[in-house]
Amino acid sequence: MNLSSERHAILLDILRWRRDIRHFSTRKLDPAAIEQIEASVDYAPSVGNSRPWRIVRVNDLARRGKIAASFEQQNQKASQIYEGETQNNYLSLKLAGLRDAPTHLAFFTDPTPAAGRGLGRQTMPETLVYSTIMAIHTLWLTARALNIGVGWVSILDAETVKSALETPPSWQLTAYLCIGYPEQDFDTPELQRVGWQANTPTVWLDR
């Protein structure tokens, strides 16, 4: 196997095992691993080299508690779009690792970063958020390569999170991540395993 095929095989393995983790061990992460994961963000691409991501390490337990309370409230509200058994199935899903994951990171997007001087985003300003998401994905793959799991908590009220973390008003919450060692490893999505929904095929169009 040549070098390029070896790299491809390694990348495919990381991609296959990259999963949205909801069940974490409470064991703290190795500080060296955290350093590697955080350093990987510097390799992420961004529109016009704007690097609009702003990252908050959420260490304070009181702040974490406010965010967990927001999740509980919003999760209960979200369950109301379902009925009967489907609603019960939804509520049985463990949709967050907020209680157990040892490391929490909040990713924000600065909508007016000085870096990049506006290059590449005049007609599509949303590319700033896309850039932050690329940084998240870069971090996610690095974590998976270190056998560390990441869970994206999206059932949150953004203003509650911003208030809890006392961030600048202009910053936009892009993602709240729970990071830690998974209780178990699977190479298939949890929602597929529990029967919520199978993976749907990607649609490709030719024009």
N, C-alpha and C. Protein backbone atom coordinates (compact mmCIF):
# COMPACT_ATOMS: atom_id res chain seq x y z
N MET A 1 0.85 -1.19 0.00
CA MET A 1 0.00 0.00 0.00
C MET A 1 0.89 1.24 0.00
N ASN A 2 0.67 2.17 -0.97
CA ASN A 2 1.49 3.36 -1.00
C ASN A 2 1.01 4.38 0.02
N LEU A 3 1.77 5.48 0.16
CA LEU A 3 1.49 6.45 1.21
C LEU A 3 0.11 7.07 1.04
N SER A 4 -0.27 7.40 -0.20
CA SER A 4 -1.56 8.05 -0.41
C SER A 4 -2.72 7.12 -0.06
N SER A 5 -2.60 5.84 -0.40
CA SER A 5 -3.67 4.90 -0.07
C SER A 5 -3.72 4.63 1.43
N GLU A 6 -2.57 4.66 2.10
CA GLU A 6 -2.55 4.50 3.56
C GLU A 6 -3.28 5.67 4.23
N ARG A 7 -3.00 6.87 3.75
CA ARG A 7 -3.65 8.05 4.32
C ARG A 7 -5.15 8.00 4.07
N HIS A 8 -5.54 7.54 2.89
CA HIS A 8 -6.96 7.45 2.56
C HIS A 8 -7.65 6.45 3.47
N ALA A 9 -7.01 5.32 3.70
CA ALA A 9 -7.60 4.30 4.57
C ALA A 9 -7.75 4.81 6.00
N ILE A 10 -6.74 5.54 6.49
CA ILE A 10 -6.81 6.10 7.85
C ILE A 10 -7.94 7.11 7.94
N LEU A 11 -8.05 7.98 6.93
CA LEU A 11 -9.10 8.99 6.94
C LEU A 11 -10.48 8.34 6.91
N LEU A 12 -10.67 7.35 6.08
CA LEU A 12 -11.96 6.67 6.01
C LEU A 12 -12.32 6.02 7.35
N ASP A 13 -11.33 5.47 8.02
CA ASP A 13 -11.57 4.85 9.32
C ASP A 13 -12.02 5.89 10.34
N ILE A 14 -11.35 7.05 10.34
CA ILE A 14 -11.74 8.13 11.26
C ILE A 14 -13.14 8.62 10.95
N LEU A 15 -13.46 8.78 9.66
CA LEU A 15 -14.79 9.25 9.27
C LEU A 15 -15.87 8.25 9.67
N ARG A 16 -15.57 6.97 9.50
CA ARG A 16 -16.57 5.94 9.82
C ARG A 16 -16.86 5.91 11.31
N TRP A 17 -15.86 6.15 12.14
CA TRP A 17 -16.04 6.07 13.58
C TRP A 17 -16.37 7.42 14.23
N ARG A 18 -16.40 8.48 13.43
CA ARG A 18 -16.81 9.78 13.96
C ARG A 18 -18.32 9.77 14.16
N ARG A 19 -18.74 9.83 15.38
CA ARG A 19 -20.17 9.77 15.69
C ARG A 19 -20.53 10.87 16.67
N ASP A 20 -21.81 11.26 16.67
CA ASP A 20 -22.31 12.22 17.64
C ASP A 20 -22.55 11.45 18.94
N ILE A 21 -21.69 11.63 19.91
CA ILE A 21 -21.72 10.84 21.14
C ILE A 21 -22.67 11.47 22.15
N ARG A 22 -23.49 10.63 22.76
CA ARG A 22 -24.44 11.10 23.78
C ARG A 22 -24.19 10.46 25.15
N HIS A 23 -23.41 9.40 25.17
CA HIS A 23 -23.14 8.69 26.43
C HIS A 23 -21.64 8.75 26.71
N PHE A 24 -21.28 9.49 27.73
CA PHE A 24 -19.87 9.73 28.03
C PHE A 24 -19.47 9.11 29.37
N SER A 25 -18.21 8.73 29.45
CA SER A 25 -17.59 8.43 30.73
C SER A 25 -17.29 9.76 31.42
N THR A 26 -17.33 9.77 32.74
CA THR A 26 -17.01 10.99 33.48
C THR A 26 -15.49 11.17 33.66
N ARG A 27 -14.72 10.21 33.17
CA ARG A 27 -13.26 10.28 33.31
C ARG A 27 -12.72 11.51 32.61
N LYS A 28 -11.87 12.26 33.29
CA LYS A 28 -11.32 13.48 32.70
C LYS A 28 -10.38 13.15 31.54
N LEU A 29 -10.31 14.07 30.61
CA LEU A 29 -9.45 13.88 29.45
C LEU A 29 -7.99 14.13 29.82
N ASP A 30 -7.11 13.43 29.12
CA ASP A 30 -5.69 13.67 29.26
C ASP A 30 -5.39 15.10 28.80
N PRO A 31 -4.73 15.92 29.62
CA PRO A 31 -4.43 17.30 29.22
C PRO A 31 -3.70 17.40 27.88
N ALA A 32 -2.83 16.44 27.60
CA ALA A 32 -2.11 16.46 26.32
C ALA A 32 -3.07 16.26 25.15
N ALA A 33 -4.09 15.41 25.36
CA ALA A 33 -5.09 15.18 24.31
C ALA A 33 -5.92 16.44 24.07
N ILE A 34 -6.31 17.11 25.16
CA ILE A 34 -7.06 18.36 25.02
C ILE A 34 -6.24 19.38 24.23
N GLU A 35 -4.96 19.45 24.54
CA GLU A 35 -4.09 20.40 23.84
C GLU A 35 -4.03 20.09 22.35
N GLN A 36 -3.94 18.81 22.01
CA GLN A 36 -3.91 18.42 20.59
C GLN A 36 -5.23 18.75 19.90
N ILE A 37 -6.33 18.49 20.58
CA ILE A 37 -7.64 18.75 20.00
C ILE A 37 -7.82 20.25 19.75
N GLU A 38 -7.49 21.06 20.75
CA GLU A 38 -7.65 22.50 20.60
C GLU A 38 -6.71 23.05 19.53
N ALA A 39 -5.50 22.54 19.45
CA ALA A 39 -4.53 23.03 18.47
C ALA A 39 -4.98 22.75 17.05
N SER A 40 -5.77 21.69 16.86
CA SER A 40 -6.18 21.31 15.50
C SER A 40 -7.06 22.37 14.85
N VAL A 41 -7.74 23.18 15.65
CA VAL A 41 -8.62 24.22 15.09
C VAL A 41 -7.83 25.18 14.22
N ASP A 42 -6.57 25.39 14.53
CA ASP A 42 -5.76 26.31 13.75
C ASP A 42 -5.55 25.84 12.31
N TYR A 43 -5.83 24.57 12.03
CA TYR A 43 -5.69 24.04 10.68
C TYR A 43 -6.98 24.15 9.87
N ALA A 44 -8.03 24.64 10.48
CA ALA A 44 -9.32 24.70 9.79
C ALA A 44 -9.31 25.81 8.74
N PRO A 45 -9.99 25.58 7.61
CA PRO A 45 -10.10 26.63 6.59
C PRO A 45 -11.15 27.65 7.00
N SER A 46 -11.04 28.86 6.46
CA SER A 46 -12.06 29.88 6.72
C SER A 46 -12.11 30.85 5.54
N VAL A 47 -13.28 31.39 5.29
CA VAL A 47 -13.46 32.30 4.16
C VAL A 47 -12.56 33.52 4.35
N GLY A 48 -11.75 33.81 3.33
CA GLY A 48 -10.87 34.98 3.38
C GLY A 48 -9.88 34.96 4.52
N ASN A 49 -9.62 33.79 5.08
CA ASN A 49 -8.75 33.64 6.26
C ASN A 49 -9.27 34.50 7.42
N SER A 50 -10.60 34.55 7.55
CA SER A 50 -11.24 35.41 8.55
C SER A 50 -11.19 34.83 9.96
N ARG A 51 -11.11 33.52 10.07
CA ARG A 51 -11.03 32.84 11.37
C ARG A 51 -12.05 33.44 12.35
N PRO A 52 -13.34 33.33 12.03
CA PRO A 52 -14.36 34.01 12.82
C PRO A 52 -14.79 33.28 14.09
N TRP A 53 -14.26 32.09 14.32
CA TRP A 53 -14.70 31.32 15.48
C TRP A 53 -14.15 31.92 16.78
N ARG A 54 -15.01 31.91 17.78
CA ARG A 54 -14.63 32.34 19.12
C ARG A 54 -15.06 31.21 20.05
N ILE A 55 -14.15 30.68 20.84
CA ILE A 55 -14.40 29.45 21.60
C ILE A 55 -14.31 29.72 23.09
N VAL A 56 -15.32 29.26 23.81
CA VAL A 56 -15.35 29.43 25.27
C VAL A 56 -15.24 28.06 25.92
N ARG A 57 -14.24 27.89 26.77
CA ARG A 57 -14.16 26.69 27.59
C ARG A 57 -15.11 26.88 28.77
N VAL A 58 -16.09 26.00 28.87
CA VAL A 58 -17.10 26.15 29.93
C VAL A 58 -16.70 25.24 31.09
N ASN A 59 -16.02 25.81 32.06
CA ASN A 59 -15.51 25.04 33.20
C ASN A 59 -16.36 25.23 34.45
N ASP A 60 -16.97 26.39 34.60
CA ASP A 60 -17.72 26.72 35.80
C ASP A 60 -18.99 25.89 35.91
N LEU A 61 -19.18 25.22 37.04
CA LEU A 61 -20.31 24.31 37.21
C LEU A 61 -21.64 25.06 37.22
N ALA A 62 -21.66 26.26 37.76
CA ALA A 62 -22.90 27.04 37.79
C ALA A 62 -23.32 27.42 36.37
N ARG A 63 -22.37 27.80 35.55
CA ARG A 63 -22.69 28.14 34.16
C ARG A 63 -23.16 26.88 33.41
N ARG A 64 -22.49 25.79 33.66
CA ARG A 64 -22.93 24.53 33.04
C ARG A 64 -24.35 24.19 33.46
N GLY A 65 -24.67 24.45 34.73
CA GLY A 65 -26.01 24.16 35.21
C GLY A 65 -27.07 24.96 34.50
N LYS A 66 -26.79 26.23 34.22
CA LYS A 66 -27.74 27.07 33.50
C LYS A 66 -27.97 26.54 32.09
N ILE A 67 -26.89 26.07 31.47
CA ILE A 67 -27.01 25.55 30.11
C ILE A 67 -27.76 24.22 30.11
N ALA A 68 -27.50 23.38 31.10
CA ALA A 68 -28.22 22.11 31.21
C ALA A 68 -29.71 22.36 31.44
N ALA A 69 -30.03 23.37 32.24
CA ALA A 69 -31.44 23.70 32.48
C ALA A 69 -32.11 24.17 31.20
N SER A 70 -31.38 24.93 30.40
CA SER A 70 -31.92 25.37 29.11
C SER A 70 -32.20 24.18 28.21
N PHE A 71 -31.28 23.21 28.23
CA PHE A 71 -31.51 22.00 27.44
C PHE A 71 -32.77 21.27 27.88
N GLU A 72 -32.92 21.08 29.16
CA GLU A 72 -34.08 20.35 29.67
C GLU A 72 -35.38 21.04 29.25
N GLN A 73 -35.41 22.36 29.36
CA GLN A 73 -36.60 23.12 29.00
C GLN A 73 -36.88 23.02 27.50
N GLN A 74 -35.85 23.22 26.70
CA GLN A 74 -36.04 23.20 25.25
C GLN A 74 -36.31 21.79 24.74
N ASN A 75 -35.73 20.78 25.39
CA ASN A 75 -35.97 19.41 24.96
C ASN A 75 -37.42 19.01 25.21
N GLN A 76 -37.95 19.42 26.36
CA GLN A 76 -39.36 19.14 26.66
C GLN A 76 -40.27 19.84 25.65
N LYS A 77 -39.91 21.08 25.31
CA LYS A 77 -40.70 21.83 24.33
C LYS A 77 -40.62 21.16 22.95
N ALA A 78 -39.43 20.71 22.58
CA ALA A 78 -39.25 20.07 21.28
C ALA A 78 -40.05 18.78 21.16
N SER A 79 -40.25 18.10 22.29
CA SER A 79 -40.98 16.82 22.26
C SER A 79 -42.45 17.01 21.87
N GLN A 80 -42.95 18.25 21.98
CA GLN A 80 -44.37 18.49 21.72
C GLN A 80 -44.72 18.39 20.24
N ILE A 81 -43.74 18.37 19.36
CA ILE A 81 -44.05 18.22 17.93
C ILE A 81 -44.38 16.77 17.60
N TYR A 82 -44.13 15.84 18.56
CA TYR A 82 -44.41 14.43 18.35
C TYR A 82 -45.62 14.02 19.19
N GLU A 83 -46.20 12.90 18.85
CA GLU A 83 -47.36 12.41 19.57
C GLU A 83 -47.20 10.93 19.89
N GLY A 84 -47.91 10.49 20.93
CA GLY A 84 -48.01 9.07 21.25
C GLY A 84 -46.68 8.40 21.44
N GLU A 85 -46.53 7.25 20.80
CA GLU A 85 -45.33 6.43 20.97
C GLU A 85 -44.08 7.14 20.45
N THR A 86 -44.26 7.92 19.39
CA THR A 86 -43.12 8.65 18.85
C THR A 86 -42.58 9.65 19.86
N GLN A 87 -43.50 10.31 20.57
CA GLN A 87 -43.08 11.24 21.61
C GLN A 87 -42.36 10.51 22.74
N ASN A 88 -42.87 9.36 23.12
CA ASN A 88 -42.21 8.57 24.16
C ASN A 88 -40.82 8.13 23.73
N ASN A 89 -40.71 7.72 22.46
CA ASN A 89 -39.41 7.33 21.93
C ASN A 89 -38.44 8.49 21.94
N TYR A 90 -38.94 9.67 21.57
CA TYR A 90 -38.09 10.86 21.57
C TYR A 90 -37.56 11.14 22.97
N LEU A 91 -38.44 11.12 23.95
CA LEU A 91 -38.04 11.45 25.31
C LEU A 91 -37.12 10.39 25.91
N SER A 92 -37.15 9.19 25.36
CA SER A 92 -36.28 8.13 25.87
C SER A 92 -34.85 8.26 25.35
N LEU A 93 -34.68 9.06 24.30
CA LEU A 93 -33.35 9.25 23.74
C LEU A 93 -32.53 10.14 24.68
N LYS A 94 -31.28 9.79 24.87
CA LYS A 94 -30.40 10.65 25.67
C LYS A 94 -29.74 11.61 24.69
N LEU A 95 -30.28 12.81 24.60
CA LEU A 95 -29.87 13.73 23.54
C LEU A 95 -28.71 14.63 23.92
N ALA A 96 -28.18 14.49 25.12
CA ALA A 96 -27.06 15.35 25.52
C ALA A 96 -26.18 14.64 26.52
N GLY A 97 -24.90 15.03 26.52
CA GLY A 97 -23.97 14.49 27.50
C GLY A 97 -23.59 15.56 28.51
N LEU A 98 -24.49 16.53 28.72
CA LEU A 98 -24.16 17.69 29.54
C LEU A 98 -23.79 17.33 30.97
N ARG A 99 -24.37 16.27 31.50
CA ARG A 99 -24.10 15.90 32.89
C ARG A 99 -22.78 15.16 33.07
N ASP A 100 -22.39 14.38 32.08
CA ASP A 100 -21.26 13.47 32.24
C ASP A 100 -19.98 13.90 31.54
N ALA A 101 -20.09 14.53 30.37
CA ALA A 101 -18.89 14.87 29.60
C ALA A 101 -18.00 15.81 30.40
N PRO A 102 -16.71 15.50 30.52
CA PRO A 102 -15.84 16.32 31.36
C PRO A 102 -15.46 17.67 30.76
N THR A 103 -15.53 17.77 29.43
CA THR A 103 -15.11 19.00 28.76
C THR A 103 -16.26 19.57 27.94
N HIS A 104 -16.52 20.86 28.11
CA HIS A 104 -17.55 21.56 27.35
C HIS A 104 -16.91 22.72 26.60
N LEU A 105 -17.22 22.84 25.32
CA LEU A 105 -16.75 23.98 24.52
C LEU A 105 -17.93 24.62 23.81
N ALA A 106 -18.04 25.93 23.92
CA ALA A 106 -19.07 26.67 23.19
C ALA A 106 -18.40 27.40 22.03
N PHE A 107 -18.86 27.12 20.82
CA PHE A 107 -18.33 27.77 19.62
C PHE A 107 -19.27 28.90 19.19
N PHE A 108 -18.71 30.07 19.04
CA PHE A 108 -19.45 31.23 18.56
C PHE A 108 -18.83 31.71 17.26
N THR A 109 -19.62 32.47 16.49
CA THR A 109 -19.13 33.11 15.28
C THR A 109 -19.21 34.61 15.45
N ASP A 110 -18.09 35.27 15.21
CA ASP A 110 -18.05 36.74 15.21
C ASP A 110 -18.48 37.21 13.82
N PRO A 111 -19.62 37.92 13.69
CA PRO A 111 -20.10 38.30 12.36
C PRO A 111 -19.31 39.43 11.70
N THR A 112 -18.43 40.07 12.46
CA THR A 112 -17.63 41.17 11.88
C THR A 112 -16.17 41.04 12.29
N PRO A 113 -15.52 39.92 11.93
CA PRO A 113 -14.11 39.77 12.31
C PRO A 113 -13.23 40.72 11.51
N ALA A 114 -12.23 41.28 12.17
CA ALA A 114 -11.30 42.15 11.46
C ALA A 114 -10.44 41.36 10.48
N ALA A 115 -10.09 40.13 10.88
CA ALA A 115 -9.26 39.29 10.02
C ALA A 115 -9.98 39.01 8.70
N GLY A 116 -9.23 38.98 7.64
CA GLY A 116 -9.79 38.69 6.33
C GLY A 116 -10.26 39.91 5.56
N ARG A 117 -10.51 41.01 6.28
CA ARG A 117 -10.91 42.29 5.68
C ARG A 117 -12.07 42.13 4.69
N GLY A 118 -13.00 41.23 5.04
CA GLY A 118 -14.22 41.09 4.24
C GLY A 118 -14.08 40.23 3.00
N LEU A 119 -12.90 39.69 2.77
CA LEU A 119 -12.67 38.93 1.53
C LEU A 119 -13.56 37.69 1.44
N GLY A 120 -14.27 37.55 0.32
CA GLY A 120 -14.99 36.32 0.01
C GLY A 120 -16.36 36.18 0.64
N ARG A 121 -16.80 37.16 1.43
CA ARG A 121 -18.07 36.98 2.11
C ARG A 121 -19.08 38.10 1.85
N GLN A 122 -18.82 38.92 0.85
CA GLN A 122 -19.71 40.04 0.60
C GLN A 122 -21.06 39.60 0.05
N THR A 123 -21.06 38.59 -0.78
CA THR A 123 -22.34 38.11 -1.34
C THR A 123 -22.91 36.95 -0.54
N MET A 124 -22.08 36.28 0.24
CA MET A 124 -22.54 35.16 1.07
C MET A 124 -21.96 35.30 2.47
N PRO A 125 -22.50 36.24 3.27
CA PRO A 125 -21.96 36.44 4.62
C PRO A 125 -22.10 35.22 5.52
N GLU A 126 -23.00 34.30 5.15
CA GLU A 126 -23.16 33.08 5.96
C GLU A 126 -21.92 32.19 5.93
N THR A 127 -20.99 32.48 5.02
CA THR A 127 -19.77 31.68 4.98
C THR A 127 -18.94 31.84 6.24
N LEU A 128 -19.20 32.90 7.02
CA LEU A 128 -18.51 33.02 8.31
C LEU A 128 -18.94 31.90 9.25
N VAL A 129 -20.25 31.64 9.31
CA VAL A 129 -20.74 30.53 10.13
C VAL A 129 -20.24 29.21 9.57
N TYR A 130 -20.24 29.08 8.24
CA TYR A 130 -19.73 27.85 7.64
C TYR A 130 -18.27 27.62 8.05
N SER A 131 -17.50 28.71 8.14
CA SER A 131 -16.10 28.59 8.54
C SER A 131 -15.98 28.06 9.96
N THR A 132 -16.83 28.55 10.84
CA THR A 132 -16.82 28.05 12.22
C THR A 132 -17.17 26.57 12.24
N ILE A 133 -18.12 26.17 11.42
CA ILE A 133 -18.50 24.76 11.36
C ILE A 133 -17.33 23.91 10.85
N MET A 134 -16.57 24.44 9.91
CA MET A 134 -15.38 23.72 9.45
C MET A 134 -14.38 23.54 10.59
N ALA A 135 -14.25 24.57 11.43
CA ALA A 135 -13.35 24.45 12.58
C ALA A 135 -13.84 23.37 13.54
N ILE A 136 -15.16 23.31 13.73
CA ILE A 136 -15.75 22.28 14.59
C ILE A 136 -15.47 20.90 14.02
N HIS A 137 -15.66 20.75 12.72
CA HIS A 137 -15.44 19.43 12.10
C HIS A 137 -13.97 19.03 12.19
N THR A 138 -13.07 19.98 12.02
CA THR A 138 -11.64 19.69 12.15
C THR A 138 -11.32 19.19 13.56
N LEU A 139 -11.87 19.88 14.56
CA LEU A 139 -11.69 19.45 15.95
C LEU A 139 -12.28 18.07 16.17
N TRP A 140 -13.46 17.83 15.59
CA TRP A 140 -14.19 16.57 15.79
C TRP A 140 -13.37 15.39 15.25
N LEU A 141 -12.82 15.55 14.06
CA LEU A 141 -12.03 14.46 13.47
C LEU A 141 -10.76 14.20 14.28
N THR A 142 -10.15 15.27 14.77
CA THR A 142 -8.95 15.11 15.59
C THR A 142 -9.28 14.36 16.88
N ALA A 143 -10.40 14.72 17.50
CA ALA A 143 -10.82 14.02 18.72
C ALA A 143 -11.03 12.54 18.44
N ARG A 144 -11.70 12.24 17.34
CA ARG A 144 -11.98 10.84 17.00
C ARG A 144 -10.69 10.07 16.76
N ALA A 145 -9.70 10.72 16.14
CA ALA A 145 -8.41 10.07 15.92
C ALA A 145 -7.71 9.73 17.23
N LEU A 146 -8.08 10.43 18.30
CA LEU A 146 -7.52 10.19 19.63
C LEU A 146 -8.45 9.33 20.49
N ASN A 147 -9.47 8.72 19.85
CA ASN A 147 -10.46 7.89 20.54
C ASN A 147 -11.26 8.67 21.57
N ILE A 148 -11.51 9.93 21.27
CA ILE A 148 -12.30 10.81 22.13
C ILE A 148 -13.57 11.20 21.38
N GLY A 149 -14.68 11.22 22.09
CA GLY A 149 -15.96 11.48 21.47
C GLY A 149 -16.39 12.94 21.60
N VAL A 150 -17.23 13.35 20.65
CA VAL A 150 -17.80 14.70 20.66
C VAL A 150 -19.31 14.59 20.48
N GLY A 151 -20.05 15.36 21.26
CA GLY A 151 -21.49 15.43 21.11
C GLY A 151 -21.90 16.88 20.89
N TRP A 152 -22.70 17.12 19.86
CA TRP A 152 -23.17 18.48 19.52
C TRP A 152 -24.55 18.65 20.13
N VAL A 153 -24.67 19.56 21.09
CA VAL A 153 -25.96 19.83 21.74
C VAL A 153 -26.62 21.00 21.03
N SER A 154 -27.66 20.73 20.28
CA SER A 154 -28.32 21.78 19.50
C SER A 154 -29.65 22.21 20.10
N ILE A 155 -30.13 21.50 21.11
CA ILE A 155 -31.43 21.82 21.70
C ILE A 155 -31.19 22.78 22.88
N LEU A 156 -30.86 24.01 22.52
CA LEU A 156 -30.55 25.04 23.50
C LEU A 156 -31.13 26.37 23.05
N ASP A 157 -31.41 27.23 24.00
CA ASP A 157 -31.77 28.60 23.67
C ASP A 157 -30.49 29.42 23.59
N ALA A 158 -30.19 29.94 22.42
CA ALA A 158 -28.90 30.61 22.20
C ALA A 158 -28.71 31.80 23.14
N GLU A 159 -29.76 32.57 23.38
CA GLU A 159 -29.62 33.74 24.25
C GLU A 159 -29.33 33.34 25.69
N THR A 160 -29.89 32.22 26.13
CA THR A 160 -29.61 31.73 27.48
C THR A 160 -28.14 31.34 27.60
N VAL A 161 -27.61 30.69 26.57
CA VAL A 161 -26.20 30.29 26.59
C VAL A 161 -25.31 31.52 26.60
N LYS A 162 -25.62 32.49 25.75
CA LYS A 162 -24.81 33.71 25.70
C LYS A 162 -24.83 34.44 27.03
N SER A 163 -26.01 34.48 27.66
CA SER A 163 -26.11 35.14 28.97
C SER A 163 -25.32 34.39 30.03
N ALA A 164 -25.41 33.06 30.01
CA ALA A 164 -24.69 32.26 31.00
C ALA A 164 -23.19 32.42 30.87
N LEU A 165 -22.72 32.61 29.64
CA LEU A 165 -21.28 32.69 29.39
C LEU A 165 -20.77 34.12 29.27
N GLU A 166 -21.71 35.08 29.35
CA GLU A 166 -21.35 36.51 29.30
C GLU A 166 -20.48 36.85 28.09
N THR A 167 -20.95 36.46 26.94
CA THR A 167 -20.22 36.72 25.70
C THR A 167 -20.67 38.04 25.08
N PRO A 168 -19.87 38.62 24.20
CA PRO A 168 -20.27 39.86 23.53
C PRO A 168 -21.61 39.69 22.81
N PRO A 169 -22.45 40.71 22.80
CA PRO A 169 -23.78 40.60 22.20
C PRO A 169 -23.77 40.21 20.73
N SER A 170 -22.74 40.60 20.01
CA SER A 170 -22.71 40.34 18.56
C SER A 170 -22.35 38.90 18.21
N TRP A 171 -21.75 38.18 19.14
CA TRP A 171 -21.35 36.80 18.84
C TRP A 171 -22.59 35.94 18.66
N GLN A 172 -22.53 35.04 17.66
CA GLN A 172 -23.64 34.13 17.37
C GLN A 172 -23.26 32.72 17.83
N LEU A 173 -24.13 32.11 18.64
CA LEU A 173 -23.85 30.73 19.06
C LEU A 173 -23.97 29.81 17.86
N THR A 174 -22.91 29.07 17.58
CA THR A 174 -22.91 28.13 16.46
C THR A 174 -23.03 26.69 16.94
N ALA A 175 -22.37 26.36 18.04
CA ALA A 175 -22.45 24.98 18.55
C ALA A 175 -22.01 24.92 19.99
N TYR A 176 -22.63 24.00 20.72
CA TYR A 176 -22.20 23.69 22.08
C TYR A 176 -21.78 22.23 22.07
N LEU A 177 -20.51 21.98 22.38
CA LEU A 177 -19.95 20.64 22.26
C LEU A 177 -19.62 20.04 23.62
N CYS A 178 -19.99 18.77 23.79
CA CYS A 178 -19.57 17.96 24.92
C CYS A 178 -18.47 17.03 24.42
N ILE A 179 -17.38 16.95 25.17
CA ILE A 179 -16.23 16.18 24.73
C ILE A 179 -15.75 15.27 25.85
N GLY A 180 -15.52 14.01 25.53
CA GLY A 180 -15.05 13.07 26.54
C GLY A 180 -14.88 11.69 25.95
N TYR A 181 -14.51 10.75 26.80
CA TYR A 181 -14.36 9.37 26.35
C TYR A 181 -15.74 8.73 26.25
N PRO A 182 -16.07 8.11 25.11
CA PRO A 182 -17.38 7.47 24.97
C PRO A 182 -17.52 6.28 25.92
N GLU A 183 -18.74 6.07 26.41
CA GLU A 183 -19.00 4.86 27.20
C GLU A 183 -18.80 3.63 26.34
N GLN A 184 -19.24 3.71 25.07
CA GLN A 184 -19.06 2.63 24.12
C GLN A 184 -18.81 3.23 22.75
N ASP A 185 -18.13 2.48 21.91
CA ASP A 185 -17.84 2.94 20.56
C ASP A 185 -18.67 2.16 19.55
N PHE A 186 -19.25 2.88 18.60
CA PHE A 186 -20.01 2.25 17.52
C PHE A 186 -19.65 2.95 16.21
N ASP A 187 -19.67 2.19 15.12
CA ASP A 187 -19.40 2.80 13.83
C ASP A 187 -20.68 3.09 13.06
N THR A 188 -21.83 3.03 13.73
CA THR A 188 -23.10 3.42 13.12
C THR A 188 -23.76 4.46 14.01
N PRO A 189 -24.54 5.37 13.44
CA PRO A 189 -25.18 6.42 14.24
C PRO A 189 -26.13 5.84 15.28
N GLU A 190 -26.19 6.46 16.44
CA GLU A 190 -27.06 5.97 17.51
C GLU A 190 -28.52 6.00 17.09
N LEU A 191 -28.94 7.06 16.39
CA LEU A 191 -30.34 7.15 15.97
C LEU A 191 -30.71 6.02 15.01
N GLN A 192 -29.74 5.54 14.28
CA GLN A 192 -29.99 4.39 13.41
C GLN A 192 -30.07 3.11 14.25
N ARG A 193 -29.21 2.98 15.24
CA ARG A 193 -29.20 1.77 16.06
C ARG A 193 -30.48 1.60 16.86
N VAL A 194 -31.05 2.72 17.35
CA VAL A 194 -32.25 2.62 18.18
C VAL A 194 -33.52 2.63 17.34
N GLY A 195 -33.38 2.69 16.02
CA GLY A 195 -34.55 2.60 15.16
C GLY A 195 -35.27 3.91 14.91
N TRP A 196 -34.64 5.04 15.26
CA TRP A 196 -35.30 6.34 15.02
C TRP A 196 -35.36 6.64 13.53
N GLN A 197 -34.23 6.45 12.85
CA GLN A 197 -34.19 6.65 11.40
C GLN A 197 -32.91 6.04 10.85
N ALA A 198 -33.07 5.32 9.75
CA ALA A 198 -31.91 4.77 9.06
C ALA A 198 -31.24 5.89 8.26
N ASN A 199 -29.96 5.71 7.97
CA ASN A 199 -29.29 6.68 7.12
C ASN A 199 -29.94 6.70 5.74
N THR A 200 -30.18 7.89 5.23
CA THR A 200 -30.75 8.02 3.89
C THR A 200 -29.62 8.24 2.90
N PRO A 201 -29.80 7.76 1.67
CA PRO A 201 -28.73 7.92 0.68
C PRO A 201 -28.53 9.37 0.28
N THR A 202 -27.31 9.72 -0.02
CA THR A 202 -27.01 11.06 -0.52
C THR A 202 -27.54 11.21 -1.94
N VAL A 203 -28.15 12.34 -2.21
CA VAL A 203 -28.67 12.62 -3.55
C VAL A 203 -27.63 13.42 -4.33
N TRP A 204 -27.23 12.86 -5.47
CA TRP A 204 -26.29 13.54 -6.36
C TRP A 204 -27.02 13.92 -7.64
N LEU A 205 -26.81 15.14 -8.10
CA LEU A 205 -27.43 15.60 -9.32
C LEU A 205 -26.37 15.95 -10.36
N ASP A 206 -26.68 15.66 -11.59
CA ASP A 206 -25.81 16.07 -12.71
C ASP A 206 -26.56 17.09 -13.54
N ARG A 207 -25.88 18.12 -13.91
CA ARG A 207 -26.47 19.17 -14.75
C ARG A 207 -25.64 19.41 -15.99
